[in-house]
Amino acid sequence: VQLVESGGGLVHPGGSLRLSCAASGSIFSIYSMGWYRQAPGKERELVAQITRTGSTNYPDSVKGRFTVSIDNAKNTVYLQMNSLKPEDTAVYYCNAGRGTSPNYWGQGTQVTVSS
């Protein structure tokens, strides 16, 4: 499975960004897709995960601000990020899993929230 991300960049605090991640290859095996992030000096952490049936999982730090969605026909997962904060600055990694945990990773896309 190959994952190609797009949509990162620089945004002011309070702004919005949308990330996209398209999967290709052995996509029949994929049950869930989503996003993790890793800030400098910190561990990689879950941002949002969604199953093909639409069940979602978010940590408290992004609930109400971030929305994950999936287009099963396009094998693409999206992350809409609103009300961005400087602490959201990180490299965001798309993932895909045969279950609810990641098995495959994208190359990462930088999101920087700064004035």
N, C-alpha and C. Protein backbone atom coordinates (compact mmCIF):
# COMPACT_ATOMS: atom_id res chain seq x y z
N VAL A 1 0.85 -1.20 0.00
CA VAL A 1 0.00 0.00 0.00
C VAL A 1 0.89 1.24 0.00
N GLN A 2 0.60 2.15 -0.90
CA GLN A 2 1.33 3.42 -0.95
C GLN A 2 0.38 4.55 -0.58
N LEU A 3 0.91 5.50 0.18
CA LEU A 3 0.12 6.63 0.65
C LEU A 3 0.79 7.92 0.22
N VAL A 4 0.03 8.80 -0.42
CA VAL A 4 0.58 10.08 -0.88
C VAL A 4 -0.23 11.20 -0.26
N GLU A 5 0.46 12.03 0.52
CA GLU A 5 -0.20 13.12 1.24
C GLU A 5 -0.05 14.43 0.49
N SER A 6 -0.97 15.34 0.77
CA SER A 6 -0.87 16.69 0.23
C SER A 6 -1.64 17.63 1.15
N GLY A 7 -1.32 18.93 1.06
CA GLY A 7 -2.11 19.93 1.76
C GLY A 7 -1.47 20.61 2.94
N GLY A 8 -0.26 20.26 3.29
CA GLY A 8 0.37 20.93 4.41
C GLY A 8 0.80 22.34 4.05
N GLY A 9 1.33 23.08 5.05
CA GLY A 9 1.80 24.42 4.78
C GLY A 9 1.85 25.28 6.02
N LEU A 10 1.94 26.58 5.79
CA LEU A 10 2.02 27.57 6.87
C LEU A 10 0.67 28.26 6.99
N VAL A 11 0.19 28.39 8.23
CA VAL A 11 -1.09 29.03 8.47
C VAL A 11 -0.99 29.83 9.76
N HIS A 12 -1.75 30.91 9.83
CA HIS A 12 -1.79 31.73 11.04
C HIS A 12 -2.64 31.04 12.11
N PRO A 13 -2.39 31.35 13.37
CA PRO A 13 -3.26 30.81 14.44
C PRO A 13 -4.71 31.19 14.19
N GLY A 14 -5.59 30.21 14.41
CA GLY A 14 -7.00 30.41 14.12
C GLY A 14 -7.41 30.04 12.72
N GLY A 15 -6.45 29.79 11.87
CA GLY A 15 -6.72 29.44 10.48
C GLY A 15 -7.06 27.98 10.29
N SER A 16 -7.24 27.63 9.02
CA SER A 16 -7.65 26.26 8.67
C SER A 16 -6.76 25.69 7.58
N LEU A 17 -6.64 24.39 7.56
CA LEU A 17 -5.96 23.65 6.50
C LEU A 17 -6.70 22.34 6.29
N ARG A 18 -6.61 21.81 5.07
CA ARG A 18 -7.13 20.47 4.82
C ARG A 18 -6.03 19.61 4.22
N LEU A 19 -5.81 18.49 4.87
CA LEU A 19 -4.84 17.51 4.37
C LEU A 19 -5.59 16.40 3.63
N SER A 20 -4.94 15.87 2.60
CA SER A 20 -5.48 14.74 1.84
C SER A 20 -4.44 13.65 1.77
N CYS A 21 -4.91 12.41 1.67
CA CYS A 21 -4.01 11.27 1.55
C CYS A 21 -4.69 10.22 0.68
N ALA A 22 -4.06 9.92 -0.44
CA ALA A 22 -4.60 8.93 -1.36
C ALA A 22 -3.83 7.62 -1.23
N ALA A 23 -4.56 6.53 -1.13
CA ALA A 23 -3.97 5.20 -1.03
C ALA A 23 -4.04 4.48 -2.37
N SER A 24 -3.00 3.70 -2.65
CA SER A 24 -2.98 2.87 -3.86
C SER A 24 -2.27 1.56 -3.52
N GLY A 25 -2.39 0.60 -4.42
CA GLY A 25 -1.79 -0.70 -4.17
C GLY A 25 -2.83 -1.68 -3.66
N SER A 26 -2.49 -2.44 -2.65
CA SER A 26 -3.37 -3.49 -2.11
C SER A 26 -4.41 -2.89 -1.18
N ILE A 27 -5.21 -2.02 -1.73
CA ILE A 27 -6.15 -1.26 -0.91
C ILE A 27 -7.31 -2.11 -0.39
N PHE A 28 -7.53 -3.28 -0.97
CA PHE A 28 -8.62 -4.14 -0.51
C PHE A 28 -8.42 -4.55 0.94
N SER A 29 -7.15 -4.52 1.39
CA SER A 29 -6.84 -4.97 2.74
C SER A 29 -7.03 -3.88 3.79
N ILE A 30 -7.30 -2.66 3.33
CA ILE A 30 -7.35 -1.54 4.26
C ILE A 30 -8.70 -1.43 4.94
N TYR A 31 -8.68 -1.36 6.28
CA TYR A 31 -9.90 -1.21 7.08
C TYR A 31 -10.02 0.21 7.64
N SER A 32 -8.89 0.82 7.97
CA SER A 32 -8.94 2.16 8.54
C SER A 32 -7.84 3.03 7.95
N MET A 33 -8.07 4.32 8.00
CA MET A 33 -7.06 5.31 7.59
C MET A 33 -7.12 6.48 8.56
N GLY A 34 -6.05 7.25 8.58
CA GLY A 34 -6.07 8.38 9.48
C GLY A 34 -4.76 9.12 9.51
N TRP A 35 -4.57 9.85 10.61
CA TRP A 35 -3.44 10.76 10.72
C TRP A 35 -2.81 10.71 12.11
N TYR A 36 -1.50 10.73 12.12
CA TYR A 36 -0.72 10.95 13.32
C TYR A 36 0.12 12.21 13.07
N ARG A 37 0.71 12.73 14.13
CA ARG A 37 1.63 13.85 13.97
C ARG A 37 2.80 13.70 14.93
N GLN A 38 3.90 14.35 14.55
CA GLN A 38 5.08 14.33 15.39
C GLN A 38 5.73 15.69 15.38
N ALA A 39 5.79 16.30 16.55
CA ALA A 39 6.46 17.59 16.72
C ALA A 39 7.91 17.33 17.13
N PRO A 40 8.78 18.30 16.91
CA PRO A 40 10.20 18.11 17.28
C PRO A 40 10.35 17.76 18.76
N GLY A 41 11.10 16.71 19.02
CA GLY A 41 11.36 16.30 20.39
C GLY A 41 10.23 15.56 21.07
N LYS A 42 9.17 15.28 20.31
CA LYS A 42 8.02 14.59 20.90
C LYS A 42 7.75 13.28 20.17
N GLU A 43 6.98 12.42 20.81
CA GLU A 43 6.61 11.16 20.19
C GLU A 43 5.48 11.37 19.17
N ARG A 44 5.39 10.46 18.24
CA ARG A 44 4.30 10.49 17.29
C ARG A 44 2.99 10.21 18.02
N GLU A 45 1.96 10.99 17.72
CA GLU A 45 0.69 10.84 18.42
C GLU A 45 -0.47 10.81 17.45
N LEU A 46 -1.53 10.12 17.86
CA LEU A 46 -2.74 10.03 17.07
C LEU A 46 -3.39 11.40 16.95
N VAL A 47 -3.85 11.71 15.75
CA VAL A 47 -4.64 12.92 15.51
C VAL A 47 -6.09 12.55 15.20
N ALA A 48 -6.28 11.59 14.31
CA ALA A 48 -7.63 11.17 13.95
C ALA A 48 -7.54 9.87 13.18
N GLN A 49 -8.50 9.00 13.40
CA GLN A 49 -8.57 7.73 12.68
C GLN A 49 -10.01 7.48 12.30
N ILE A 50 -10.22 6.88 11.12
CA ILE A 50 -11.57 6.58 10.65
C ILE A 50 -11.55 5.23 9.97
N THR A 51 -12.61 4.45 10.20
CA THR A 51 -12.74 3.17 9.52
C THR A 51 -13.56 3.35 8.24
N ARG A 52 -13.53 2.33 7.40
CA ARG A 52 -14.30 2.42 6.15
C ARG A 52 -15.79 2.52 6.41
N THR A 53 -16.24 2.11 7.61
CA THR A 53 -17.65 2.21 7.95
C THR A 53 -17.99 3.54 8.61
N GLY A 54 -16.97 4.39 8.81
CA GLY A 54 -17.22 5.74 9.30
C GLY A 54 -17.00 5.96 10.79
N SER A 55 -16.58 4.97 11.52
CA SER A 55 -16.29 5.17 12.94
C SER A 55 -15.01 5.99 13.08
N THR A 56 -15.05 6.96 13.99
CA THR A 56 -13.91 7.86 14.14
C THR A 56 -13.36 7.83 15.57
N ASN A 57 -12.11 8.26 15.68
CA ASN A 57 -11.44 8.35 16.97
C ASN A 57 -10.55 9.57 16.96
N TYR A 58 -10.70 10.43 17.97
CA TYR A 58 -9.90 11.65 18.11
C TYR A 58 -9.38 11.75 19.54
N PRO A 59 -8.19 12.29 19.74
CA PRO A 59 -7.77 12.64 21.09
C PRO A 59 -8.46 13.94 21.52
N ASP A 60 -8.50 14.18 22.82
CA ASP A 60 -9.16 15.39 23.33
C ASP A 60 -8.55 16.67 22.77
N SER A 61 -7.25 16.63 22.46
CA SER A 61 -6.56 17.84 22.02
C SER A 61 -7.09 18.41 20.70
N VAL A 62 -7.76 17.59 19.90
CA VAL A 62 -8.24 18.07 18.60
C VAL A 62 -9.75 17.95 18.44
N LYS A 63 -10.42 17.34 19.39
CA LYS A 63 -11.88 17.20 19.30
C LYS A 63 -12.55 18.56 19.16
N GLY A 64 -13.50 18.63 18.23
CA GLY A 64 -14.21 19.88 17.99
C GLY A 64 -13.50 20.81 17.04
N ARG A 65 -12.23 20.54 16.73
CA ARG A 65 -11.47 21.40 15.81
C ARG A 65 -11.11 20.66 14.51
N PHE A 66 -10.81 19.38 14.62
CA PHE A 66 -10.39 18.57 13.48
C PHE A 66 -11.49 17.59 13.10
N THR A 67 -11.64 17.36 11.82
CA THR A 67 -12.60 16.39 11.32
C THR A 67 -11.95 15.50 10.27
N VAL A 68 -12.03 14.20 10.50
CA VAL A 68 -11.49 13.24 9.53
C VAL A 68 -12.65 12.66 8.73
N SER A 69 -12.41 12.45 7.44
CA SER A 69 -13.43 11.86 6.59
C SER A 69 -12.74 10.95 5.57
N ILE A 70 -13.52 10.05 4.99
CA ILE A 70 -12.95 9.10 4.04
C ILE A 70 -13.85 8.99 2.83
N ASP A 71 -13.25 8.95 1.66
CA ASP A 71 -13.97 8.69 0.42
C ASP A 71 -13.54 7.30 -0.04
N ASN A 72 -14.39 6.32 0.22
CA ASN A 72 -14.02 4.94 -0.08
C ASN A 72 -13.84 4.71 -1.58
N ALA A 73 -14.60 5.42 -2.38
CA ALA A 73 -14.49 5.25 -3.83
C ALA A 73 -13.14 5.72 -4.35
N LYS A 74 -12.59 6.75 -3.71
CA LYS A 74 -11.30 7.30 -4.13
C LYS A 74 -10.15 6.80 -3.26
N ASN A 75 -10.46 6.00 -2.24
CA ASN A 75 -9.44 5.51 -1.31
C ASN A 75 -8.60 6.67 -0.77
N THR A 76 -9.30 7.71 -0.38
CA THR A 76 -8.66 8.92 0.09
C THR A 76 -9.24 9.32 1.43
N VAL A 77 -8.34 9.72 2.33
CA VAL A 77 -8.75 10.21 3.64
C VAL A 77 -8.38 11.69 3.72
N TYR A 78 -9.23 12.45 4.39
CA TYR A 78 -9.04 13.89 4.52
C TYR A 78 -8.99 14.26 5.99
N LEU A 79 -8.28 15.33 6.29
CA LEU A 79 -8.26 15.88 7.64
C LEU A 79 -8.51 17.38 7.52
N GLN A 80 -9.69 17.80 7.95
CA GLN A 80 -10.01 19.22 7.98
C GLN A 80 -9.62 19.75 9.35
N MET A 81 -8.72 20.72 9.36
CA MET A 81 -8.21 21.28 10.62
C MET A 81 -8.63 22.74 10.72
N ASN A 82 -9.42 23.03 11.73
CA ASN A 82 -9.89 24.39 11.97
C ASN A 82 -9.36 24.90 13.30
N SER A 83 -9.45 26.20 13.49
CA SER A 83 -9.00 26.83 14.75
C SER A 83 -7.61 26.35 15.14
N LEU A 84 -6.71 26.36 14.18
CA LEU A 84 -5.36 25.85 14.43
C LEU A 84 -4.61 26.68 15.45
N LYS A 85 -3.79 25.98 16.23
CA LYS A 85 -3.01 26.58 17.29
C LYS A 85 -1.53 26.34 17.02
N PRO A 86 -0.65 27.16 17.58
CA PRO A 86 0.79 26.92 17.39
C PRO A 86 1.21 25.52 17.83
N GLU A 87 0.55 24.99 18.85
CA GLU A 87 0.91 23.63 19.32
C GLU A 87 0.48 22.54 18.36
N ASP A 88 -0.26 22.87 17.31
CA ASP A 88 -0.58 21.90 16.27
C ASP A 88 0.56 21.75 15.26
N THR A 89 1.57 22.58 15.37
CA THR A 89 2.71 22.51 14.47
C THR A 89 3.42 21.16 14.60
N ALA A 90 3.56 20.47 13.48
CA ALA A 90 4.16 19.13 13.48
C ALA A 90 4.24 18.63 12.05
N VAL A 91 4.92 17.51 11.89
CA VAL A 91 4.82 16.75 10.65
C VAL A 91 3.64 15.81 10.81
N TYR A 92 2.73 15.86 9.85
CA TYR A 92 1.53 15.04 9.89
C TYR A 92 1.73 13.84 8.95
N TYR A 93 1.47 12.66 9.49
CA TYR A 93 1.67 11.42 8.74
C TYR A 93 0.34 10.73 8.50
N CYS A 94 0.07 10.45 7.26
CA CYS A 94 -1.08 9.62 6.92
C CYS A 94 -0.76 8.16 7.24
N ASN A 95 -1.77 7.40 7.63
CA ASN A 95 -1.55 5.97 7.85
C ASN A 95 -2.74 5.18 7.35
N ALA A 96 -2.51 3.92 7.13
CA ALA A 96 -3.57 2.99 6.76
C ALA A 96 -3.33 1.69 7.51
N GLY A 97 -4.44 1.07 7.92
CA GLY A 97 -4.30 -0.16 8.70
C GLY A 97 -5.23 -1.26 8.23
N ARG A 98 -4.78 -2.48 8.41
CA ARG A 98 -5.64 -3.63 8.10
C ARG A 98 -6.68 -3.82 9.20
N GLY A 99 -6.39 -3.27 10.36
CA GLY A 99 -7.34 -3.16 11.47
C GLY A 99 -7.45 -1.71 11.87
N THR A 100 -7.54 -1.45 13.16
CA THR A 100 -7.64 -0.06 13.63
C THR A 100 -6.28 0.55 13.95
N SER A 101 -5.22 -0.24 13.89
CA SER A 101 -3.87 0.29 14.12
C SER A 101 -3.14 0.42 12.79
N PRO A 102 -2.22 1.38 12.70
CA PRO A 102 -1.51 1.61 11.43
C PRO A 102 -0.59 0.47 11.03
N ASN A 103 -0.60 0.17 9.74
CA ASN A 103 0.35 -0.77 9.16
C ASN A 103 1.22 -0.11 8.10
N TYR A 104 0.72 0.97 7.51
CA TYR A 104 1.42 1.66 6.43
C TYR A 104 1.44 3.16 6.74
N TRP A 105 2.52 3.81 6.26
CA TRP A 105 2.69 5.23 6.54
C TRP A 105 3.02 6.00 5.27
N GLY A 106 2.56 7.26 5.24
CA GLY A 106 2.96 8.17 4.20
C GLY A 106 4.28 8.83 4.56
N GLN A 107 4.74 9.72 3.69
CA GLN A 107 6.05 10.32 3.88
C GLN A 107 6.02 11.51 4.84
N GLY A 108 4.84 12.00 5.15
CA GLY A 108 4.69 13.12 6.07
C GLY A 108 4.57 14.45 5.35
N THR A 109 3.82 15.35 5.94
CA THR A 109 3.67 16.70 5.40
C THR A 109 3.72 17.69 6.56
N GLN A 110 4.48 18.76 6.38
CA GLN A 110 4.69 19.74 7.45
C GLN A 110 3.50 20.68 7.57
N VAL A 111 3.04 20.84 8.80
CA VAL A 111 2.04 21.85 9.12
C VAL A 111 2.66 22.80 10.14
N THR A 112 2.70 24.08 9.81
CA THR A 112 3.27 25.08 10.71
C THR A 112 2.21 26.14 10.99
N VAL A 113 1.95 26.34 12.28
CA VAL A 113 0.98 27.35 12.70
C VAL A 113 1.75 28.45 13.42
N SER A 114 1.81 29.60 12.78
CA SER A 114 2.62 30.69 13.32
C SER A 114 2.13 32.02 12.80
N SER A 115 2.28 33.03 13.62
CA SER A 115 1.94 34.39 13.19
C SER A 115 3.16 35.08 12.59
